[in-house]
Amino acid sequence: MSAGALQKALFDLLSQDPALTGLLGDERVHDAVPKNRKFPFLVIGDLTANDWSTSDYLGQAFIVTLRVWSSAQGRKEIYDICQRVRTLMKSDIQLPNGSQSHLVMTWPVSERFEREIAARSMRATLRFRILLEPKN
């Protein structure tokens, strides 16, 4: 099971969704905060992997952090983007062809919304738990 395969699957899911692209704009899903950033944008952040195996069952649990930034004056834009992200994360995340794993389930762990005074923006941090197991 690979964090790289999961990262690619998340990038494909988020960057290829027309509704999310409509809210963010084209090419606004990244794996690091862009230097010449245009608001709003989304960053696929840290992935933490833990063993989720038992004596007769193999599995891996990931905590995935997604961050959204918005420079809009109010909170509606960031709330709308986060709602679309939550909806997408409930869908069947397609791991790349050739992946040795498949998705068991995804569920939200936490959300935090905060204003970044220096950057004059809002930031949302969304965390999800994703369980993967080997394909049979």
Protein backbone atom coordinates (compact mmCIF):
# COMPACT_ATOMS: atom_id res chain seq x y z
CA MET A 1 0.00 0.00 0.00
CA SER A 2 1.46 3.27 -1.06
CA ALA A 3 1.08 6.83 0.13
CA GLY A 4 2.10 7.85 -3.39
CA ALA A 5 -0.80 5.95 -4.95
CA LEU A 6 -3.21 7.55 -2.49
CA GLN A 7 -1.75 11.02 -3.14
CA LYS A 8 -2.25 10.53 -6.90
CA ALA A 9 -5.80 9.27 -6.41
CA LEU A 10 -6.67 12.30 -4.25
CA PHE A 11 -5.10 14.71 -6.73
CA ASP A 12 -7.02 13.15 -9.63
CA LEU A 13 -10.30 13.15 -7.67
CA LEU A 14 -10.01 16.79 -6.58
CA SER A 15 -8.44 18.33 -9.68
CA GLN A 16 -10.74 16.63 -12.21
CA ASP A 17 -14.07 17.41 -10.58
CA PRO A 18 -15.93 20.06 -12.63
CA ALA A 19 -17.91 21.39 -9.65
CA LEU A 20 -14.78 21.87 -7.52
CA THR A 21 -12.91 23.40 -10.45
CA GLY A 22 -15.84 25.78 -10.87
CA LEU A 23 -15.43 26.92 -7.26
CA LEU A 24 -11.61 27.06 -7.25
CA GLY A 25 -10.66 27.83 -10.84
CA ASP A 26 -8.41 25.83 -13.15
CA GLU A 27 -5.19 24.34 -11.79
CA ARG A 28 -5.86 25.30 -8.19
CA VAL A 29 -5.22 21.89 -6.55
CA HIS A 30 -1.60 21.57 -5.38
CA ASP A 31 0.65 19.42 -3.21
CA ALA A 32 2.39 22.49 -1.73
CA VAL A 33 1.43 26.14 -1.28
CA PRO A 34 2.29 27.76 -4.63
CA LYS A 35 4.71 30.70 -4.64
CA ASN A 36 2.57 32.82 -6.94
CA ARG A 37 -0.71 31.73 -5.47
CA LYS A 38 -4.07 32.75 -6.82
CA PHE A 39 -6.98 32.45 -4.41
CA PRO A 40 -8.88 30.29 -3.79
CA PHE A 41 -6.75 27.14 -3.85
CA LEU A 42 -6.49 23.71 -2.25
CA VAL A 43 -3.39 21.89 -1.02
CA ILE A 44 -3.14 18.17 -0.41
CA GLY A 45 -1.07 18.22 2.74
CA ASP A 46 0.35 15.61 5.07
CA LEU A 47 -0.45 11.93 4.79
CA THR A 48 0.19 9.87 7.91
CA ALA A 49 0.09 6.08 7.56
CA ASN A 50 -0.48 3.57 10.36
CA ASP A 51 -0.75 -0.19 10.34
CA TRP A 52 -4.35 -1.32 10.59
CA SER A 53 -3.68 -5.05 10.50
CA THR A 54 -4.92 -7.84 12.72
CA SER A 55 -3.59 -11.38 13.06
CA ASP A 56 -5.55 -12.49 9.99
CA TYR A 57 -6.21 -9.24 8.15
CA LEU A 58 -3.88 -6.68 6.53
CA GLY A 59 -4.70 -3.01 6.24
CA GLN A 60 -3.35 0.51 6.44
CA ALA A 61 -5.00 3.63 7.86
CA PHE A 62 -4.11 7.05 6.50
CA ILE A 63 -4.86 10.45 7.97
CA VAL A 64 -5.00 12.92 5.08
CA THR A 65 -4.88 16.68 5.60
CA LEU A 66 -6.42 18.96 3.00
CA ARG A 67 -6.11 22.74 3.30
CA VAL A 68 -8.18 25.35 1.48
CA TRP A 69 -7.34 29.06 1.28
CA SER A 70 -9.71 31.86 0.28
CA SER A 71 -9.22 35.61 0.13
CA ALA A 72 -12.94 36.36 -0.07
CA GLN A 73 -14.22 38.83 2.51
CA GLY A 74 -16.83 36.48 3.91
CA ARG A 75 -16.82 32.77 4.67
CA LYS A 76 -19.29 31.55 2.04
CA GLU A 77 -16.64 30.77 -0.58
CA ILE A 78 -14.52 28.64 1.74
CA TYR A 79 -17.58 26.87 3.18
CA ASP A 80 -18.85 26.05 -0.34
CA ILE A 81 -15.44 24.69 -1.39
CA CYS A 82 -15.16 22.57 1.76
CA GLN A 83 -18.67 21.19 1.26
CA ARG A 84 -17.71 20.03 -2.23
CA VAL A 85 -14.49 18.48 -0.91
CA ARG A 86 -16.44 16.59 1.79
CA THR A 87 -18.86 15.30 -0.86
CA LEU A 88 -15.99 14.13 -3.08
CA MET A 89 -14.20 12.43 -0.20
CA LYS A 90 -17.36 10.36 0.46
CA SER A 91 -17.22 9.04 -3.10
CA ASP A 92 -15.27 6.00 -4.22
CA ILE A 93 -11.65 7.18 -4.42
CA GLN A 94 -10.13 5.40 -7.41
CA LEU A 95 -6.58 4.24 -6.74
CA PRO A 96 -4.33 4.18 -9.85
CA ASN A 97 -4.35 1.14 -12.13
CA GLY A 98 -1.89 -1.42 -10.87
CA SER A 99 -2.36 -0.44 -7.24
CA GLN A 100 -2.18 -3.40 -4.91
CA SER A 101 -4.80 -1.86 -2.59
CA HIS A 102 -8.44 -0.90 -2.60
CA LEU A 103 -10.45 1.54 -0.53
CA VAL A 104 -12.34 0.21 2.48
CA MET A 105 -13.83 3.49 3.74
CA THR A 106 -13.25 7.21 4.20
CA TRP A 107 -14.65 9.43 6.92
CA PRO A 108 -14.03 12.96 8.21
CA VAL A 109 -11.92 13.34 11.35
CA SER A 110 -11.84 17.09 11.94
CA GLU A 111 -12.32 20.54 10.41
CA ARG A 112 -10.91 23.90 11.43
CA PHE A 113 -11.60 27.32 9.93
CA GLU A 114 -9.34 30.24 10.81
CA ARG A 115 -8.45 33.70 9.57
CA GLU A 116 -4.85 34.37 8.59
CA ILE A 117 -4.43 38.07 9.36
CA ALA A 118 -1.04 38.54 7.68
CA ALA A 119 -2.14 36.82 4.47
CA ARG A 120 -5.59 38.47 4.56
CA SER A 121 -7.21 35.12 3.92
CA MET A 122 -9.23 32.31 5.47
CA ARG A 123 -7.81 28.83 5.81
CA ALA A 124 -9.74 25.62 6.31
CA THR A 125 -8.00 22.45 7.47
CA LEU A 126 -9.90 19.24 6.77
CA ARG A 127 -8.67 15.85 7.99
CA PHE A 128 -9.95 12.49 6.79
CA ARG A 129 -9.22 8.92 7.77
CA ILE A 130 -8.87 6.54 4.84
CA LEU A 131 -8.65 2.78 5.24
CA LEU A 132 -7.02 0.66 2.56
CA GLU A 133 -6.57 -3.10 2.31
CA PRO A 134 -4.73 -5.31 -0.17
CA LYS A 135 -6.61 -6.56 -3.20
CA ASN A 136 -7.34 -10.26 -3.07
